[in-house]
Amino acid sequence: MATSSPTTGFPLAVSVPAVPSLVARSDRRRRIDPRSGHALEILGHAIEYLTDELVQSHELVSANNGRVEAIQLLMSLNRQVYFECPEVLTLADRCRAFLRLRSAA
């Protein structure tokens, strides 16, 4: 259940689908289209800004800290955008696919 902020009236809790941190092949490069790249750039700047703000405020870092929760939310969204981009096939993958096609024919 989300409660609203007394200052803005916006909900404090936002439901974001969990993105697994370990994807089968997360070490592969991704083809990032301009729209996703722009989203990643904006999210990265927001994460950096909130992190700098947290460090400079000298607050205790705890799981219930609103800034920490906001940073975690933005990082989750960042991973979600990144993992939605298609993986770039390696040369070895392309060769294996080619050889499979040749052997099937």
PDB file of N, CA and C in Angstrom:
ATOM      1  N   MET A   1       0.836  -1.171   0.000  1.00  0.00           N
ATOM      2  CA  MET A   1       0.000   0.000   0.000  1.00  0.00           C
ATOM      3  C   MET A   1       0.879   1.231   0.000  1.00  0.00           C
ATOM      4  N   ALA A   2       0.636   2.141  -0.917  1.00  0.00           N
ATOM      5  CA  ALA A   2       1.454   3.335  -1.047  1.00  0.00           C
ATOM      6  C   ALA A   2       0.810   4.488  -0.302  1.00  0.00           C
ATOM      7  N   THR A   3       1.633   5.194   0.459  1.00  0.00           N
ATOM      8  CA  THR A   3       1.150   6.416   1.093  1.00  0.00           C
ATOM      9  C   THR A   3       1.714   7.582   0.325  1.00  0.00           C
ATOM     10  N   SER A   4       1.055   8.733   0.428  1.00  0.00           N
ATOM     11  CA  SER A   4       1.534   9.874  -0.346  1.00  0.00           C
ATOM     12  C   SER A   4       2.398  10.777   0.512  1.00  0.00           C
ATOM     13  N   SER A   5       3.308  11.455  -0.147  1.00  0.00           N
ATOM     14  CA  SER A   5       4.208  12.388   0.514  1.00  0.00           C
ATOM     15  C   SER A   5       3.427  13.602   0.966  1.00  0.00           C
ATOM     16  N   PRO A   6       3.680  14.110   2.183  1.00  0.00           N
ATOM     17  CA  PRO A   6       2.942  15.282   2.654  1.00  0.00           C
ATOM     18  C   PRO A   6       3.266  16.547   1.873  1.00  0.00           C
ATOM     19  N   THR A   7       4.437  16.604   1.247  1.00  0.00           N
ATOM     20  CA  THR A   7       4.818  17.821   0.536  1.00  0.00           C
ATOM     21  C   THR A   7       4.397  17.824  -0.920  1.00  0.00           C
ATOM     22  N   THR A   8       4.453  16.675  -1.587  1.00  0.00           N
ATOM     23  CA  THR A   8       4.150  16.649  -3.010  1.00  0.00           C
ATOM     24  C   THR A   8       2.838  15.979  -3.336  1.00  0.00           C
ATOM     25  N   GLY A   9       2.363  15.085  -2.459  1.00  0.00           N
ATOM     26  CA  GLY A   9       1.141  14.353  -2.735  1.00  0.00           C
ATOM     27  C   GLY A   9       1.354  13.151  -3.629  1.00  0.00           C
ATOM     28  N   PHE A  10       2.597  12.919  -4.075  1.00  0.00           N
ATOM     29  CA  PHE A  10       2.892  11.768  -4.919  1.00  0.00           C
ATOM     30  C   PHE A  10       3.091  10.536  -4.045  1.00  0.00           C
ATOM     31  N   PRO A  11       2.813   9.360  -4.595  1.00  0.00           N
ATOM     32  CA  PRO A  11       3.009   8.147  -3.791  1.00  0.00           C
ATOM     33  C   PRO A  11       4.472   7.956  -3.429  1.00  0.00           C
ATOM     34  N   LEU A  12       4.702   7.487  -2.199  1.00  0.00           N
ATOM     35  CA  LEU A  12       6.070   7.239  -1.752  1.00  0.00           C
ATOM     36  C   LEU A  12       6.581   5.885  -2.223  1.00  0.00           C
ATOM     37  N   ALA A  13       5.711   4.920  -2.328  1.00  0.00           N
ATOM     38  CA  ALA A  13       6.127   3.585  -2.755  1.00  0.00           C
ATOM     39  C   ALA A  13       5.673   3.357  -4.185  1.00  0.00           C
ATOM     40  N   VAL A  14       6.599   2.944  -5.015  1.00  0.00           N
ATOM     41  CA  VAL A  14       6.302   2.695  -6.416  1.00  0.00           C
ATOM     42  C   VAL A  14       6.590   1.231  -6.695  1.00  0.00           C
ATOM     43  N   SER A  15       5.686   0.575  -7.385  1.00  0.00           N
ATOM     44  CA  SER A  15       5.872  -0.830  -7.710  1.00  0.00           C
ATOM     45  C   SER A  15       6.659  -0.944  -9.012  1.00  0.00           C
ATOM     46  N   VAL A  16       7.837  -1.521  -8.924  1.00  0.00           N
ATOM     47  CA  VAL A  16       8.691  -1.722 -10.088  1.00  0.00           C
ATOM     48  C   VAL A  16       8.990  -3.208 -10.176  1.00  0.00           C
ATOM     49  N   PRO A  17       8.803  -3.805 -11.360  1.00  0.00           N
ATOM     50  CA  PRO A  17       9.091  -5.229 -11.461  1.00  0.00           C
ATOM     51  C   PRO A  17      10.564  -5.501 -11.203  1.00  0.00           C
ATOM     52  N   ALA A  18      10.815  -6.555 -10.465  1.00  0.00           N
ATOM     53  CA  ALA A  18      12.195  -6.914 -10.133  1.00  0.00           C
ATOM     54  C   ALA A  18      12.911  -7.410 -11.375  1.00  0.00           C
ATOM     55  N   VAL A  19      14.137  -6.957 -11.545  1.00  0.00           N
ATOM     56  CA  VAL A  19      14.973  -7.404 -12.651  1.00  0.00           C
ATOM     57  C   VAL A  19      16.072  -8.256 -12.041  1.00  0.00           C
ATOM     58  N   PRO A  20      16.195  -9.491 -12.471  1.00  0.00           N
ATOM     59  CA  PRO A  20      17.239 -10.328 -11.876  1.00  0.00           C
ATOM     60  C   PRO A  20      18.616  -9.730 -12.130  1.00  0.00           C
ATOM     61  N   SER A  21      19.429  -9.691 -11.078  1.00  0.00           N
ATOM     62  CA  SER A  21      20.754  -9.106 -11.241  1.00  0.00           C
ATOM     63  C   SER A  21      21.683 -10.040 -12.006  1.00  0.00           C
ATOM     64  N   LEU A  22      21.391 -11.323 -11.991  1.00  0.00           N
ATOM     65  CA  LEU A  22      22.207 -12.274 -12.734  1.00  0.00           C
ATOM     66  C   LEU A  22      21.400 -12.791 -13.914  1.00  0.00           C
ATOM     67  N   VAL A  23      21.747 -12.344 -15.076  1.00  0.00           N
ATOM     68  CA  VAL A  23      21.103 -12.796 -16.293  1.00  0.00           C
ATOM     69  C   VAL A  23      22.012 -13.844 -16.909  1.00  0.00           C
ATOM     70  N   ALA A  24      21.444 -14.751 -17.690  1.00  0.00           N
ATOM     71  CA  ALA A  24      22.211 -15.876 -18.231  1.00  0.00           C
ATOM     72  C   ALA A  24      23.546 -15.432 -18.819  1.00  0.00           C
ATOM     73  N   ARG A  25      23.548 -14.429 -19.681  1.00  0.00           N
ATOM     74  CA  ARG A  25      24.785 -13.945 -20.292  1.00  0.00           C
ATOM     75  C   ARG A  25      24.858 -12.435 -20.155  1.00  0.00           C
ATOM     76  N   SER A  26      25.010 -11.934 -18.953  1.00  0.00           N
ATOM     77  CA  SER A  26      25.054 -10.491 -18.738  1.00  0.00           C
ATOM     78  C   SER A  26      26.397  -9.883 -19.124  1.00  0.00           C
ATOM     79  N   ASP A  27      27.399 -10.743 -19.430  1.00  0.00           N
ATOM     80  CA  ASP A  27      28.712 -10.217 -19.789  1.00  0.00           C
ATOM     81  C   ASP A  27      28.806  -9.838 -21.262  1.00  0.00           C
ATOM     82  N   ARG A  28      27.746 -10.075 -22.003  1.00  0.00           N
ATOM     83  CA  ARG A  28      27.768  -9.745 -23.433  1.00  0.00           C
ATOM     84  C   ARG A  28      27.451  -8.276 -23.648  1.00  0.00           C
ATOM     85  N   ARG A  29      27.990  -7.762 -24.742  1.00  0.00           N
ATOM     86  CA  ARG A  29      27.687  -6.388 -25.121  1.00  0.00           C
ATOM     87  C   ARG A  29      26.246  -6.305 -25.582  1.00  0.00           C
ATOM     88  N   ARG A  30      25.675  -5.134 -25.508  1.00  0.00           N
ATOM     89  CA  ARG A  30      24.291  -4.910 -25.908  1.00  0.00           C
ATOM     90  C   ARG A  30      24.252  -3.842 -26.994  1.00  0.00           C
ATOM     91  N   ARG A  31      23.291  -3.983 -27.889  1.00  0.00           N
ATOM     92  CA  ARG A  31      23.064  -2.963 -28.917  1.00  0.00           C
ATOM     93  C   ARG A  31      22.062  -1.979 -28.334  1.00  0.00           C
ATOM     94  N   ILE A  32      22.541  -0.791 -27.988  1.00  0.00           N
ATOM     95  CA  ILE A  32      21.717   0.203 -27.320  1.00  0.00           C
ATOM     96  C   ILE A  32      21.258   1.232 -28.344  1.00  0.00           C
ATOM     97  N   ASP A  33      19.943   1.289 -28.553  1.00  0.00           N
ATOM     98  CA  ASP A  33      19.392   2.253 -29.499  1.00  0.00           C
ATOM     99  C   ASP A  33      19.441   3.643 -28.866  1.00  0.00           C
ATOM    100  N   PRO A  34      19.298   4.708 -29.678  1.00  0.00           N
ATOM    101  CA  PRO A  34      19.418   6.066 -29.142  1.00  0.00           C
ATOM    102  C   PRO A  34      18.437   6.383 -28.017  1.00  0.00           C
ATOM    103  N   ARG A  35      17.213   5.881 -28.114  1.00  0.00           N
ATOM    104  CA  ARG A  35      16.214   6.173 -27.073  1.00  0.00           C
ATOM    105  C   ARG A  35      16.630   5.532 -25.743  1.00  0.00           C
ATOM    106  N   SER A  36      17.061   4.278 -25.782  1.00  0.00           N
ATOM    107  CA  SER A  36      17.517   3.603 -24.567  1.00  0.00           C
ATOM    108  C   SER A  36      18.791   4.257 -24.032  1.00  0.00           C
ATOM    109  N   GLY A  37      19.668   4.646 -24.932  1.00  0.00           N
ATOM    110  CA  GLY A  37      20.892   5.319 -24.516  1.00  0.00           C
ATOM    111  C   GLY A  37      20.613   6.617 -23.793  1.00  0.00           C
ATOM    112  N   HIS A  38      19.635   7.362 -24.289  1.00  0.00           N
ATOM    113  CA  HIS A  38      19.255   8.622 -23.642  1.00  0.00           C
ATOM    114  C   HIS A  38      18.663   8.342 -22.259  1.00  0.00           C
ATOM    115  N   ALA A  39      17.820   7.307 -22.163  1.00  0.00           N
ATOM    116  CA  ALA A  39      17.236   6.936 -20.873  1.00  0.00           C
ATOM    117  C   ALA A  39      18.327   6.521 -19.892  1.00  0.00           C
ATOM    118  N   LEU A  40      19.302   5.721 -20.358  1.00  0.00           N
ATOM    119  CA  LEU A  40      20.401   5.296 -19.492  1.00  0.00           C
ATOM    120  C   LEU A  40      21.232   6.486 -19.026  1.00  0.00           C
ATOM    121  N   GLU A  41      21.434   7.436 -19.915  1.00  0.00           N
ATOM    122  CA  GLU A  41      22.196   8.632 -19.562  1.00  0.00           C
ATOM    123  C   GLU A  41      21.480   9.436 -18.484  1.00  0.00           C
ATOM    124  N   ILE A  42      20.190   9.650 -18.662  1.00  0.00           N
ATOM    125  CA  ILE A  42      19.414  10.420 -17.683  1.00  0.00           C
ATOM    126  C   ILE A  42      19.374   9.696 -16.336  1.00  0.00           C
ATOM    127  N   LEU A  43      19.130   8.379 -16.371  1.00  0.00           N
ATOM    128  CA  LEU A  43      19.097   7.613 -15.124  1.00  0.00           C
ATOM    129  C   LEU A  43      20.459   7.642 -14.437  1.00  0.00           C
ATOM    130  N   GLY A  44      21.526   7.530 -15.213  1.00  0.00           N
ATOM    131  CA  GLY A  44      22.871   7.585 -14.643  1.00  0.00           C
ATOM    132  C   GLY A  44      23.157   8.902 -13.958  1.00  0.00           C
ATOM    133  N   HIS A  45      22.747  10.011 -14.589  1.00  0.00           N
ATOM    134  CA  HIS A  45      22.944  11.326 -13.975  1.00  0.00           C
ATOM    135  C   HIS A  45      22.129  11.460 -12.691  1.00  0.00           C
ATOM    136  N   ALA A  46      20.898  10.945 -12.696  1.00  0.00           N
ATOM    137  CA  ALA A  46      20.054  11.022 -11.507  1.00  0.00           C
ATOM    138  C   ALA A  46      20.641  10.196 -10.366  1.00  0.00           C
ATOM    139  N   ILE A  47      21.144   9.007 -10.678  1.00  0.00           N
ATOM    140  CA  ILE A  47      21.769   8.156  -9.660  1.00  0.00           C
ATOM    141  C   ILE A  47      22.993   8.852  -9.082  1.00  0.00           C
ATOM    142  N   GLU A  48      23.819   9.412  -9.959  1.00  0.00           N
ATOM    143  CA  GLU A  48      25.024  10.110  -9.513  1.00  0.00           C
ATOM    144  C   GLU A  48      24.680  11.319  -8.638  1.00  0.00           C
ATOM    145  N   TYR A  49      23.672  12.073  -9.032  1.00  0.00           N
ATOM    146  CA  TYR A  49      23.259  13.258  -8.274  1.00  0.00           C
ATOM    147  C   TYR A  49      22.785  12.860  -6.881  1.00  0.00           C
ATOM    148  N   LEU A  50      21.895  11.855  -6.817  1.00  0.00           N
ATOM    149  CA  LEU A  50      21.383  11.438  -5.510  1.00  0.00           C
ATOM    150  C   LEU A  50      22.467  10.836  -4.632  1.00  0.00           C
ATOM    151  N   THR A  51      23.402  10.117  -5.230  1.00  0.00           N
ATOM    152  CA  THR A  51      24.503   9.534  -4.467  1.00  0.00           C
ATOM    153  C   THR A  51      25.394  10.635  -3.899  1.00  0.00           C
ATOM    154  N   ASP A  52      25.733  11.625  -4.716  1.00  0.00           N
ATOM    155  CA  ASP A  52      26.542  12.749  -4.238  1.00  0.00           C
ATOM    156  C   ASP A  52      25.818  13.497  -3.121  1.00  0.00           C
ATOM    157  N   GLU A  53      24.519  13.694  -3.300  1.00  0.00           N
ATOM    158  CA  GLU A  53      23.718  14.383  -2.290  1.00  0.00           C
ATOM    159  C   GLU A  53      23.711  13.600  -0.977  1.00  0.00           C
ATOM    160  N   LEU A  54      23.604  12.278  -1.067  1.00  0.00           N
ATOM    161  CA  LEU A  54      23.609  11.431   0.123  1.00  0.00           C
ATOM    162  C   LEU A  54      24.946  11.513   0.846  1.00  0.00           C
ATOM    163  N   VAL A  55      26.037  11.478   0.098  1.00  0.00           N
ATOM    164  CA  VAL A  55      27.368  11.538   0.705  1.00  0.00           C
ATOM    165  C   VAL A  55      27.597  12.888   1.372  1.00  0.00           C
ATOM    166  N   GLN A  56      27.180  13.955   0.720  1.00  0.00           N
ATOM    167  CA  GLN A  56      27.410  15.291   1.264  1.00  0.00           C
ATOM    168  C   GLN A  56      26.508  15.608   2.452  1.00  0.00           C
ATOM    169  N   SER A  57      25.385  14.901   2.588  1.00  0.00           N
ATOM    170  CA  SER A  57      24.468  15.180   3.694  1.00  0.00           C
ATOM    171  C   SER A  57      24.941  14.553   5.004  1.00  0.00           C
ATOM    172  N   HIS A  58      25.895  13.637   4.941  1.00  0.00           N
ATOM    173  CA  HIS A  58      26.443  12.953   6.114  1.00  0.00           C
ATOM    174  C   HIS A  58      25.373  12.211   6.902  1.00  0.00           C
ATOM    175  N   GLU A  59      24.313  11.752   6.218  1.00  0.00           N
ATOM    176  CA  GLU A  59      23.270  10.964   6.872  1.00  0.00           C
ATOM    177  C   GLU A  59      23.737   9.530   7.033  1.00  0.00           C
ATOM    178  N   LEU A  60      23.109   8.847   7.977  1.00  0.00           N
ATOM    179  CA  LEU A  60      23.368   7.423   8.116  1.00  0.00           C
ATOM    180  C   LEU A  60      22.721   6.693   6.950  1.00  0.00           C
ATOM    181  N   VAL A  61      23.450   5.777   6.370  1.00  0.00           N
ATOM    182  CA  VAL A  61      22.922   5.005   5.255  1.00  0.00           C
ATOM    183  C   VAL A  61      22.224   3.785   5.834  1.00  0.00           C
ATOM    184  N   SER A  62      20.921   3.735   5.652  1.00  0.00           N
ATOM    185  CA  SER A  62      20.148   2.591   6.128  1.00  0.00           C
ATOM    186  C   SER A  62      19.133   2.209   5.063  1.00  0.00           C
ATOM    187  N   ALA A  63      18.548   1.051   5.212  1.00  0.00           N
ATOM    188  CA  ALA A  63      17.571   0.559   4.229  1.00  0.00           C
ATOM    189  C   ALA A  63      16.317   1.417   4.213  1.00  0.00           C
ATOM    190  N   ASN A  64      16.016   2.113   5.304  1.00  0.00           N
ATOM    191  CA  ASN A  64      14.801   2.924   5.374  1.00  0.00           C
ATOM    192  C   ASN A  64      15.019   4.373   4.963  1.00  0.00           C
ATOM    193  N   ASN A  65      16.220   4.712   4.533  1.00  0.00           N
ATOM    194  CA  ASN A  65      16.522   6.068   4.100  1.00  0.00           C
ATOM    195  C   ASN A  65      15.881   6.306   2.738  1.00  0.00           C
ATOM    196  N   GLY A  66      15.121   7.364   2.597  1.00  0.00           N
ATOM    197  CA  GLY A  66      14.423   7.668   1.346  1.00  0.00           C
ATOM    198  C   GLY A  66      15.364   7.853   0.170  1.00  0.00           C
ATOM    199  N   ARG A  67      16.514   8.480   0.411  1.00  0.00           N
ATOM    200  CA  ARG A  67      17.469   8.677  -0.684  1.00  0.00           C
ATOM    201  C   ARG A  67      18.035   7.347  -1.163  1.00  0.00           C
ATOM    202  N   VAL A  68      18.324   6.469  -0.223  1.00  0.00           N
ATOM    203  CA  VAL A  68      18.862   5.149  -0.589  1.00  0.00           C
ATOM    204  C   VAL A  68      17.806   4.381  -1.388  1.00  0.00           C
ATOM    205  N   GLU A  69      16.559   4.445  -0.956  1.00  0.00           N
ATOM    206  CA  GLU A  69      15.485   3.770  -1.684  1.00  0.00           C
ATOM    207  C   GLU A  69      15.332   4.347  -3.089  1.00  0.00           C
ATOM    208  N   ALA A  70      15.452   5.665  -3.223  1.00  0.00           N
ATOM    209  CA  ALA A  70      15.355   6.302  -4.544  1.00  0.00           C
ATOM    210  C   ALA A  70      16.503   5.862  -5.444  1.00  0.00           C
ATOM    211  N   ILE A  71      17.704   5.771  -4.879  1.00  0.00           N
ATOM    212  CA  ILE A  71      18.868   5.328  -5.654  1.00  0.00           C
ATOM    213  C   ILE A  71      18.668   3.885  -6.105  1.00  0.00           C
ATOM    214  N   GLN A  72      18.187   3.030  -5.201  1.00  0.00           N
ATOM    215  CA  GLN A  72      17.942   1.631  -5.553  1.00  0.00           C
ATOM    216  C   GLN A  72      16.875   1.511  -6.638  1.00  0.00           C
ATOM    217  N   LEU A  73      15.849   2.322  -6.557  1.00  0.00           N
ATOM    218  CA  LEU A  73      14.788   2.314  -7.564  1.00  0.00           C
ATOM    219  C   LEU A  73      15.344   2.720  -8.932  1.00  0.00           C
ATOM    220  N   LEU A  74      16.132   3.796  -8.960  1.00  0.00           N
ATOM    221  CA  LEU A  74      16.719   4.246 -10.220  1.00  0.00           C
ATOM    222  C   LEU A  74      17.699   3.219 -10.781  1.00  0.00           C
ATOM    223  N   MET A  75      18.460   2.573  -9.913  1.00  0.00           N
ATOM    224  CA  MET A  75      19.391   1.547 -10.380  1.00  0.00           C
ATOM    225  C   MET A  75      18.639   0.348 -10.958  1.00  0.00           C
ATOM    226  N   SER A  76      17.513  -0.008 -10.348  1.00  0.00           N
ATOM    227  CA  SER A  76      16.692  -1.099 -10.869  1.00  0.00           C
ATOM    228  C   SER A  76      16.141  -0.745 -12.249  1.00  0.00           C
ATOM    229  N   LEU A  77      15.664   0.488 -12.401  1.00  0.00           N
ATOM    230  CA  LEU A  77      15.161   0.931 -13.701  1.00  0.00           C
ATOM    231  C   LEU A  77      16.285   0.960 -14.737  1.00  0.00           C
ATOM    232  N   ASN A  78      17.483   1.369 -14.318  1.00  0.00           N
ATOM    233  CA  ASN A  78      18.629   1.410 -15.209  1.00  0.00           C
ATOM    234  C   ASN A  78      18.941   0.010 -15.733  1.00  0.00           C
ATOM    235  N   ARG A  79      18.975  -0.982 -14.825  1.00  0.00           N
ATOM    236  CA  ARG A  79      19.219  -2.373 -15.246  1.00  0.00           C
ATOM    237  C   ARG A  79      18.127  -2.865 -16.179  1.00  0.00           C
ATOM    238  N   GLN A  80      16.876  -2.494 -15.874  1.00  0.00           N
ATOM    239  CA  GLN A  80      15.756  -2.937 -16.706  1.00  0.00           C
ATOM    240  C   GLN A  80      15.892  -2.407 -18.126  1.00  0.00           C
ATOM    241  N   VAL A  81      16.219  -1.129 -18.266  1.00  0.00           N
ATOM    242  CA  VAL A  81      16.397  -0.545 -19.598  1.00  0.00           C
ATOM    243  C   VAL A  81      17.564  -1.219 -20.315  1.00  0.00           C
ATOM    244  N   TYR A  82      18.674  -1.429 -19.600  1.00  0.00           N
ATOM    245  CA  TYR A  82      19.858  -2.031 -20.216  1.00  0.00           C
ATOM    246  C   TYR A  82      19.590  -3.457 -20.680  1.00  0.00           C
ATOM    247  N   PHE A  83      18.961  -4.277 -19.832  1.00  0.00           N
ATOM    248  CA  PHE A  83      18.742  -5.679 -20.177  1.00  0.00           C
ATOM    249  C   PHE A  83      17.645  -5.870 -21.224  1.00  0.00           C
ATOM    250  N   GLU A  84      16.843  -4.836 -21.490  1.00  0.00           N
ATOM    251  CA  GLU A  84      15.867  -4.914 -22.573  1.00  0.00           C
ATOM    252  C   GLU A  84      16.515  -4.711 -23.938  1.00  0.00           C
ATOM    253  N   CYS A  85      17.730  -4.181 -23.964  1.00  0.00           N
ATOM    254  CA  CYS A  85      18.445  -3.997 -25.231  1.00  0.00           C
ATOM    255  C   CYS A  85      18.953  -5.359 -25.706  1.00  0.00           C
ATOM    256  N   PRO A  86      18.902  -5.599 -27.031  1.00  0.00           N
ATOM    257  CA  PRO A  86      19.324  -6.909 -27.539  1.00  0.00           C
ATOM    258  C   PRO A  86      20.834  -7.115 -27.410  1.00  0.00           C
ATOM    259  N   GLU A  87      21.213  -8.362 -27.163  1.00  0.00           N
ATOM    260  CA  GLU A  87      22.629  -8.706 -27.069  1.00  0.00           C
ATOM    261  C   GLU A  87      23.244  -8.714 -28.458  1.00  0.00           C
ATOM    262  N   VAL A  88      24.516  -8.352 -28.529  1.00  0.00           N
ATOM    263  CA  VAL A  88      25.279  -8.415 -29.771  1.00  0.00           C
ATOM    264  C   VAL A  88      25.909  -9.790 -29.840  1.00  0.00           C
ATOM    265  N   LEU A  89      25.662 -10.507 -30.913  1.00  0.00           N
ATOM    266  CA  LEU A  89      26.259 -11.830 -31.071  1.00  0.00           C
ATOM    267  C   LEU A  89      27.756 -11.702 -31.300  1.00  0.00           C
ATOM    268  N   THR A  90      28.506 -12.589 -30.676  1.00  0.00           N
ATOM    269  CA  THR A  90      29.946 -12.598 -30.875  1.00  0.00           C
ATOM    270  C   THR A  90      30.266 -13.280 -32.210  1.00  0.00           C
ATOM    271  N   LEU A  91      31.486 -13.127 -32.649  1.00  0.00           N
ATOM    272  CA  LEU A  91      31.918 -13.775 -33.884  1.00  0.00           C
ATOM    273  C   LEU A  91      31.800 -15.291 -33.755  1.00  0.00           C
ATOM    274  N   ALA A  92      32.136 -15.824 -32.592  1.00  0.00           N
ATOM    275  CA  ALA A  92      32.042 -17.269 -32.374  1.00  0.00           C
ATOM    276  C   ALA A  92      30.591 -17.739 -32.487  1.00  0.00           C
ATOM    277  N   ASP A  93      29.653 -16.974 -31.921  1.00  0.00           N
ATOM    278  CA  ASP A  93      28.228 -17.339 -32.013  1.00  0.00           C
ATOM    279  C   ASP A  93      27.758 -17.335 -33.463  1.00  0.00           C
ATOM    280  N   ARG A  94      28.187 -16.327 -34.205  1.00  0.00           N
ATOM    281  CA  ARG A  94      27.780 -16.251 -35.611  1.00  0.00           C
ATOM    282  C   ARG A  94      28.366 -17.401 -36.416  1.00  0.00           C
ATOM    283  N   CYS A  95      29.613 -17.776 -36.131  1.00  0.00           N
ATOM    284  CA  CYS A  95      30.240 -18.906 -36.837  1.00  0.00           C
ATOM    285  C   CYS A  95      29.529 -20.208 -36.508  1.00  0.00           C
ATOM    286  N   ARG A  96      29.207 -20.421 -35.215  1.00  0.00           N
ATOM    287  CA  ARG A  96      28.491 -21.637 -34.830  1.00  0.00           C
ATOM    288  C   ARG A  96      27.132 -21.713 -35.517  1.00  0.00           C
ATOM    289  N   ALA A  97      26.414 -20.602 -35.561  1.00  0.00           N
ATOM    290  CA  ALA A  97      25.094 -20.579 -36.226  1.00  0.00           C
ATOM    291  C   ALA A  97      25.249 -20.879 -37.716  1.00  0.00           C
ATOM    292  N   PHE A  98      26.272 -20.323 -38.335  1.00  0.00           N
ATOM    293  CA  PHE A  98      26.514 -20.566 -39.757  1.00  0.00           C
ATOM    294  C   PHE A  98      26.823 -22.041 -40.005  1.00  0.00           C
ATOM    295  N   LEU A  99      27.675 -22.631 -39.158  1.00  0.00           N
ATOM    296  CA  LEU A  99      28.046 -24.032 -39.324  1.00  0.00           C
ATOM    297  C   LEU A  99      26.858 -24.962 -39.070  1.00  0.00           C
ATOM    298  N   ARG A 100      25.982 -24.597 -38.126  1.00  0.00           N
ATOM    299  CA  ARG A 100      24.783 -25.397 -37.898  1.00  0.00           C
ATOM    300  C   ARG A 100      23.873 -25.370 -39.114  1.00  0.00           C
ATOM    301  N   LEU A 101      23.744 -24.207 -39.719  1.00  0.00           N
ATOM    302  CA  LEU A 101      22.907 -24.088 -40.910  1.00  0.00           C
ATOM    303  C   LEU A 101      23.497 -24.902 -42.064  1.00  0.00           C
ATOM    304  N   ARG A 102      24.802 -24.869 -42.190  1.00  0.00           N
ATOM    305  CA  ARG A 102      25.461 -25.613 -43.273  1.00  0.00           C
ATOM    306  C   ARG A 102      25.334 -27.122 -43.047  1.00  0.00           C
ATOM    307  N   SER A 103      25.445 -27.565 -41.806  1.00  0.00           N
ATOM    308  CA  SER A 103      25.381 -29.001 -41.535  1.00  0.00           C
ATOM    309  C   SER A 103      23.943 -29.521 -41.637  1.00  0.00           C
ATOM    310  N   ALA A 104      22.957 -28.647 -41.413  1.00  0.00           N
ATOM    311  CA  ALA A 104      21.547 -29.052 -41.506  1.00  0.00           C
ATOM    312  C   ALA A 104      21.099 -29.161 -42.968  1.00  0.00           C
ATOM    313  N   ALA A 105      21.787 -28.484 -43.857  1.00  0.00           N
ATOM    314  CA  ALA A 105      21.362 -28.478 -45.260  1.00  0.00           C
ATOM    315  C   ALA A 105      21.779 -29.715 -46.007  1.00  0.00           C
TER     316      ALA A 105
END
